[in-house]
Amino acid sequence: MTQEVQQQAQSHSRDERTAIRLAQANQRLLQEQKIFERRLERDKQIGLLQRCAGWVVLVMLPVVAVVCVVIFFHYKTLPVSVVGAASGAFFVDICGTVLAGYKSLMPAKLSGELNATTKDPFEDPATADSSGKPQTEHGT
């Protein structure tokens, strides 16, 4: 009789542990879904920002270049300060365009990684550190 009670208690304890692990796994999936949705939204915003910046560069470079070239061809009729300002603007415009082109080729990373806050319920707690990542044989 006592063995039956012990077996029922062990079975009930296993059922509770399984239910807890399933609830933790469900919570982890919900958090990972929210993280995915945030990253997707952020990537959409970054893409829109990059397209807008690209169009601004595409429109502004020829406009500034044409104005500066006109000023350069008529340098004798214009004050020296205007020609100097046009030279500086042209230089800054070219540098900004080169920098924008270089920046557009680099991947954008605005913030740190978003990670689920729950631990993996199916991970062995003896092999995980406090961050929830499994340790290697060297402890790192």
Protein backbone atom coordinates (compact mmCIF):
# COMPACT_ATOMS: atom_id res chain seq x y z
CA MET A 1 0.00 0.00 0.00
CA THR A 2 2.77 2.43 0.83
CA GLN A 3 4.49 1.60 -2.44
CA GLU A 4 1.34 2.54 -4.34
CA VAL A 5 1.19 5.87 -2.50
CA GLN A 6 4.86 6.52 -3.24
CA GLN A 7 4.38 5.63 -6.91
CA GLN A 8 1.36 7.94 -7.14
CA ALA A 9 3.31 10.73 -5.45
CA GLN A 10 6.24 10.26 -7.84
CA SER A 11 3.87 10.19 -10.82
CA HIS A 12 2.15 13.35 -9.60
CA SER A 13 5.54 15.04 -9.06
CA ARG A 14 6.65 14.08 -12.60
CA ASP A 15 3.39 15.44 -14.02
CA GLU A 16 3.93 18.74 -12.18
CA ARG A 17 7.52 19.01 -13.43
CA THR A 18 6.38 18.27 -16.97
CA ALA A 19 3.64 20.88 -16.74
CA ILE A 20 6.13 23.47 -15.44
CA ARG A 21 8.61 22.66 -18.21
CA LEU A 22 5.89 22.96 -20.84
CA ALA A 23 4.76 26.31 -19.42
CA GLN A 24 8.37 27.54 -19.48
CA ALA A 25 8.79 26.34 -23.05
CA ASN A 26 5.56 28.11 -24.03
CA GLN A 27 6.73 31.34 -22.37
CA ARG A 28 10.09 31.09 -24.16
CA LEU A 29 8.33 30.66 -27.50
CA LEU A 30 6.14 33.70 -26.83
CA GLN A 31 9.17 35.80 -25.94
CA GLU A 32 11.06 34.63 -29.00
CA GLN A 33 8.04 35.49 -31.17
CA LYS A 34 7.96 39.02 -29.72
CA ILE A 35 11.71 39.37 -30.26
CA PHE A 36 11.29 38.27 -33.89
CA GLU A 37 8.47 40.76 -34.42
CA ARG A 38 10.54 43.61 -32.93
CA ARG A 39 13.54 42.74 -35.10
CA LEU A 40 11.33 42.55 -38.18
CA GLU A 41 9.81 45.97 -37.43
CA ARG A 42 13.24 47.47 -36.72
CA ASP A 43 14.64 46.03 -39.95
CA LYS A 44 11.71 47.52 -41.89
CA GLN A 45 12.39 50.94 -40.34
CA ILE A 46 16.11 50.69 -41.08
CA GLY A 47 15.35 49.73 -44.68
CA LEU A 48 13.03 52.70 -45.09
CA LEU A 49 15.60 55.03 -43.56
CA GLN A 50 18.32 53.71 -45.87
CA ARG A 51 16.10 54.17 -48.94
CA CYS A 52 15.26 57.74 -47.91
CA ALA A 53 18.92 58.56 -47.28
CA GLY A 54 19.81 57.03 -50.63
CA TRP A 55 17.27 59.19 -52.45
CA VAL A 56 18.45 62.32 -50.66
CA VAL A 57 22.02 61.58 -51.72
CA LEU A 58 20.88 60.74 -55.24
CA VAL A 59 19.03 64.06 -55.58
CA MET A 60 21.37 66.34 -53.63
CA LEU A 61 24.68 65.34 -55.23
CA PRO A 62 23.77 66.42 -58.76
CA VAL A 63 22.06 69.61 -57.55
CA VAL A 64 25.02 70.73 -55.43
CA ALA A 65 27.50 69.62 -58.09
CA VAL A 66 25.73 71.60 -60.83
CA VAL A 67 25.52 74.74 -58.70
CA CYS A 68 29.18 74.45 -57.72
CA VAL A 69 30.31 73.83 -61.31
CA VAL A 70 28.34 76.88 -62.48
CA ILE A 71 30.04 78.93 -59.78
CA PHE A 72 33.44 77.52 -60.76
CA PHE A 73 32.93 78.51 -64.43
CA HIS A 74 31.87 82.04 -63.44
CA TYR A 75 34.50 82.57 -60.76
CA LYS A 76 35.67 85.86 -62.28
CA THR A 77 32.27 87.52 -61.90
CA LEU A 78 31.60 86.28 -58.35
CA PRO A 79 33.19 87.29 -55.05
CA VAL A 80 36.03 85.14 -53.73
CA SER A 81 33.96 84.18 -50.68
CA VAL A 82 31.24 82.67 -52.90
CA VAL A 83 33.78 80.64 -54.86
CA GLY A 84 35.39 79.50 -51.59
CA ALA A 85 32.02 78.53 -50.15
CA ALA A 86 31.17 76.62 -53.35
CA SER A 87 34.51 74.80 -53.20
CA GLY A 88 33.90 73.81 -49.58
CA ALA A 89 30.34 72.72 -50.30
CA PHE A 90 31.45 70.65 -53.26
CA PHE A 91 34.19 68.98 -51.20
CA VAL A 92 31.83 68.24 -48.30
CA ASP A 93 29.18 66.93 -50.72
CA ILE A 94 31.64 64.54 -52.36
CA CYS A 95 32.96 63.35 -48.98
CA GLY A 96 29.42 62.88 -47.66
CA THR A 97 28.41 60.91 -50.72
CA VAL A 98 31.42 58.63 -50.46
CA LEU A 99 30.75 58.12 -46.75
CA ALA A 100 27.04 57.45 -47.36
CA GLY A 101 27.88 54.92 -50.05
CA TYR A 102 30.34 53.19 -47.76
CA LYS A 103 27.86 53.23 -44.87
CA SER A 104 25.11 51.75 -47.04
CA LEU A 105 27.33 48.78 -47.79
CA MET A 106 27.90 48.08 -44.10
CA PRO A 107 25.22 46.16 -42.18
CA ALA A 108 23.24 48.26 -39.72
CA LYS A 109 23.30 47.25 -36.08
CA LEU A 110 21.57 49.72 -33.84
CA SER A 111 21.30 47.92 -30.55
CA GLY A 112 22.35 44.79 -28.73
CA GLU A 113 20.77 41.44 -29.22
CA LEU A 114 17.37 40.76 -27.71
CA ASN A 115 17.28 37.43 -25.91
CA ALA A 116 14.51 35.47 -24.26
CA THR A 117 14.53 35.93 -20.50
CA THR A 118 13.39 32.44 -19.60
CA LYS A 119 15.80 29.57 -19.43
CA ASP A 120 15.50 26.60 -21.73
CA PRO A 121 13.39 24.10 -19.74
CA PHE A 122 14.96 21.14 -21.52
CA GLU A 123 18.52 22.21 -20.79
CA ASP A 124 20.45 20.46 -18.06
CA PRO A 125 20.84 23.06 -15.27
CA ALA A 126 24.22 21.59 -14.27
CA THR A 127 25.79 22.51 -17.64
CA ALA A 128 24.39 26.06 -17.94
CA ASP A 129 25.79 29.22 -16.44
CA SER A 130 23.71 32.11 -15.06
CA SER A 131 23.10 33.56 -18.54
CA GLY A 132 21.37 30.37 -19.65
CA LYS A 133 24.06 29.47 -22.18
CA PRO A 134 25.61 26.00 -21.97
CA GLN A 135 29.17 25.93 -20.76
CA THR A 136 31.96 24.29 -22.70
CA GLU A 137 34.36 21.88 -21.14
CA HIS A 138 36.65 24.80 -20.21
CA GLY A 139 33.85 26.59 -18.35
CA THR A 140 33.39 29.44 -20.83
